[in-house]
């Protein structure tokens, strides 16, 4: 049975896939496209790990003085 959380993860992954496809259609240098793809994929992997509880929150640490 699909839970609302799982459905939202699936919908988000579909939207991200569509975004990556549309980035491929934009006429720009291949190196820039590759950098954008890598950044998006890394962000999605981190988001998935956090949403499934395998990775704690990032960026909520103590400030350096």
N, C-alpha and C. Protein backbone atom coordinates (compact mmCIF):
# COMPACT_ATOMS: atom_id res chain seq x y z
N UNK A 1 0.85 -1.18 0.00
CA UNK A 1 0.00 0.00 0.00
C UNK A 1 0.89 1.24 0.00
N UNK A 2 0.51 2.20 -0.81
CA UNK A 2 1.30 3.43 -0.91
C UNK A 2 0.85 4.44 0.14
N UNK A 3 1.79 4.89 0.92
CA UNK A 3 1.49 5.91 1.91
C UNK A 3 1.64 7.29 1.28
N UNK A 4 1.04 8.31 1.87
CA UNK A 4 1.18 9.66 1.31
C UNK A 4 2.64 10.11 1.21
N UNK A 5 3.48 9.69 2.15
CA UNK A 5 4.89 10.07 2.09
C UNK A 5 5.56 9.44 0.89
N UNK A 6 5.28 8.17 0.65
CA UNK A 6 5.88 7.47 -0.50
C UNK A 6 5.38 8.07 -1.81
N UNK A 7 4.12 8.44 -1.86
CA UNK A 7 3.57 9.07 -3.07
C UNK A 7 4.25 10.41 -3.32
N UNK A 8 4.49 11.19 -2.28
CA UNK A 8 5.14 12.48 -2.47
C UNK A 8 6.59 12.30 -2.91
N UNK A 9 7.27 11.26 -2.43
CA UNK A 9 8.64 10.97 -2.87
C UNK A 9 8.64 10.61 -4.35
N UNK A 10 7.70 9.77 -4.77
CA UNK A 10 7.61 9.36 -6.18
C UNK A 10 7.32 10.55 -7.07
N UNK A 11 6.37 11.39 -6.67
CA UNK A 11 6.04 12.58 -7.47
C UNK A 11 7.24 13.52 -7.56
N UNK A 12 7.95 13.70 -6.46
CA UNK A 12 9.12 14.57 -6.46
C UNK A 12 10.20 14.02 -7.38
N UNK A 13 10.42 12.71 -7.36
CA UNK A 13 11.42 12.11 -8.25
C UNK A 13 11.03 12.25 -9.71
N UNK A 14 9.75 12.17 -10.01
CA UNK A 14 9.29 12.38 -11.39
C UNK A 14 9.55 13.82 -11.82
N UNK A 15 9.27 14.77 -10.94
CA UNK A 15 9.50 16.19 -11.24
C UNK A 15 11.00 16.45 -11.44
N UNK A 16 11.84 15.86 -10.61
CA UNK A 16 13.28 16.03 -10.74
C UNK A 16 13.76 15.42 -12.06
N UNK A 17 13.24 14.26 -12.43
CA UNK A 17 13.58 13.64 -13.71
C UNK A 17 13.19 14.52 -14.88
N UNK A 18 12.02 15.13 -14.80
CA UNK A 18 11.58 16.05 -15.85
C UNK A 18 12.50 17.27 -15.90
N UNK A 19 12.89 17.77 -14.74
CA UNK A 19 13.81 18.91 -14.68
C UNK A 19 15.15 18.56 -15.33
N UNK A 20 15.68 17.38 -15.04
CA UNK A 20 16.95 16.97 -15.65
C UNK A 20 16.80 16.81 -17.16
N UNK A 21 15.66 16.32 -17.61
CA UNK A 21 15.41 16.21 -19.05
C UNK A 21 15.38 17.59 -19.71
N UNK A 22 14.70 18.53 -19.06
CA UNK A 22 14.61 19.87 -19.63
C UNK A 22 15.96 20.59 -19.63
N UNK A 23 16.80 20.30 -18.64
CA UNK A 23 18.14 20.87 -18.62
C UNK A 23 18.92 20.38 -19.83
N UNK A 24 18.69 19.13 -20.23
CA UNK A 24 19.36 18.59 -21.42
C UNK A 24 18.94 19.28 -22.70
N UNK A 25 17.76 19.88 -22.72
CA UNK A 25 17.28 20.56 -23.92
C UNK A 25 17.79 21.99 -24.06
N UNK A 26 18.28 22.56 -22.97
CA UNK A 26 18.75 23.95 -23.00
C UNK A 26 20.08 24.02 -23.75
N UNK A 27 20.18 24.92 -24.73
CA UNK A 27 21.44 25.03 -25.46
C UNK A 27 22.50 25.77 -24.65
N UNK A 28 23.38 25.01 -24.02
CA UNK A 28 24.50 25.59 -23.28
C UNK A 28 25.66 24.62 -23.33
N UNK A 29 26.80 25.04 -22.84
CA UNK A 29 28.00 24.22 -22.85
C UNK A 29 27.77 22.92 -22.09
N UNK A 30 28.32 21.83 -22.61
CA UNK A 30 28.14 20.52 -22.01
C UNK A 30 28.70 20.42 -20.60
N UNK A 31 29.77 21.15 -20.33
CA UNK A 31 30.37 21.11 -18.99
C UNK A 31 29.43 21.71 -17.96
N UNK A 32 28.78 22.80 -18.31
CA UNK A 32 27.83 23.44 -17.39
C UNK A 32 26.64 22.52 -17.14
N UNK A 33 26.15 21.87 -18.20
CA UNK A 33 25.04 20.94 -18.03
C UNK A 33 25.42 19.80 -17.09
N UNK A 34 26.63 19.28 -17.26
CA UNK A 34 27.08 18.18 -16.42
C UNK A 34 27.18 18.60 -14.96
N UNK A 35 27.69 19.81 -14.71
CA UNK A 35 27.79 20.31 -13.35
C UNK A 35 26.40 20.46 -12.73
N UNK A 36 25.46 20.99 -13.49
CA UNK A 36 24.09 21.16 -13.00
C UNK A 36 23.47 19.80 -12.68
N UNK A 37 23.67 18.83 -13.58
CA UNK A 37 23.13 17.48 -13.34
C UNK A 37 23.70 16.86 -12.07
N UNK A 38 25.02 16.98 -11.89
CA UNK A 38 25.66 16.39 -10.71
C UNK A 38 25.15 17.03 -9.43
N UNK A 39 25.01 18.36 -9.43
CA UNK A 39 24.51 19.07 -8.25
C UNK A 39 23.08 18.65 -7.93
N UNK A 40 22.24 18.56 -8.95
CA UNK A 40 20.84 18.17 -8.74
C UNK A 40 20.76 16.73 -8.22
N UNK A 41 21.53 15.83 -8.80
CA UNK A 41 21.49 14.43 -8.38
C UNK A 41 22.01 14.28 -6.95
N UNK A 42 23.08 14.98 -6.60
CA UNK A 42 23.59 14.92 -5.23
C UNK A 42 22.57 15.47 -4.24
N UNK A 43 21.90 16.57 -4.60
CA UNK A 43 20.88 17.14 -3.72
C UNK A 43 19.72 16.17 -3.53
N UNK A 44 19.33 15.48 -4.59
CA UNK A 44 18.23 14.51 -4.50
C UNK A 44 18.64 13.32 -3.63
N UNK A 45 19.88 12.85 -3.78
CA UNK A 45 20.34 11.73 -2.96
C UNK A 45 20.35 12.11 -1.49
N UNK A 46 20.86 13.30 -1.17
CA UNK A 46 20.87 13.76 0.22
C UNK A 46 19.45 13.91 0.75
N UNK A 47 18.56 14.47 -0.07
CA UNK A 47 17.16 14.63 0.33
C UNK A 47 16.51 13.27 0.60
N UNK A 48 16.77 12.28 -0.28
CA UNK A 48 16.19 10.95 -0.08
C UNK A 48 16.71 10.30 1.19
N UNK A 49 18.02 10.42 1.43
CA UNK A 49 18.59 9.84 2.64
C UNK A 49 17.99 10.48 3.89
N UNK A 50 17.77 11.78 3.85
CA UNK A 50 17.16 12.47 4.99
C UNK A 50 15.70 12.08 5.15
N UNK A 51 14.97 11.96 4.05
CA UNK A 51 13.54 11.65 4.15
C UNK A 51 13.29 10.23 4.65
N UNK A 52 14.23 9.31 4.39
CA UNK A 52 14.08 7.94 4.89
C UNK A 52 14.77 7.75 6.23
N UNK A 53 15.32 8.81 6.80
CA UNK A 53 15.90 8.75 8.13
C UNK A 53 17.28 8.14 8.20
N UNK A 54 17.95 8.02 7.06
CA UNK A 54 19.29 7.43 7.05
C UNK A 54 20.38 8.47 7.25
N UNK A 55 20.01 9.74 7.16
CA UNK A 55 20.97 10.83 7.31
C UNK A 55 20.32 11.91 8.14
N UNK A 56 21.03 12.42 9.11
CA UNK A 56 20.48 13.46 9.97
C UNK A 56 20.43 14.79 9.25
N UNK A 57 19.90 15.80 9.92
CA UNK A 57 19.82 17.13 9.30
C UNK A 57 21.21 17.70 9.03
N UNK A 58 21.32 18.39 7.91
CA UNK A 58 22.59 19.00 7.52
C UNK A 58 22.46 20.51 7.67
N UNK A 59 23.48 21.13 8.20
CA UNK A 59 23.48 22.59 8.30
C UNK A 59 22.85 23.11 9.58
N UNK A 60 22.55 22.25 10.51
CA UNK A 60 21.96 22.69 11.77
C UNK A 60 22.95 22.53 12.93
N UNK A 61 24.22 22.56 12.60
CA UNK A 61 25.24 22.40 13.61
C UNK A 61 25.51 23.70 14.36
N UNK A 62 26.53 23.68 15.19
CA UNK A 62 26.89 24.87 15.96
C UNK A 62 27.70 25.83 15.09
N UNK A 63 27.50 27.09 15.31
CA UNK A 63 28.25 28.12 14.60
C UNK A 63 29.66 28.20 15.16
N UNK A 64 30.61 28.41 14.29
CA UNK A 64 31.99 28.60 14.73
C UNK A 64 32.18 30.01 15.22
N UNK A 65 32.95 30.17 16.28
CA UNK A 65 33.19 31.51 16.82
C UNK A 65 34.62 31.89 16.65
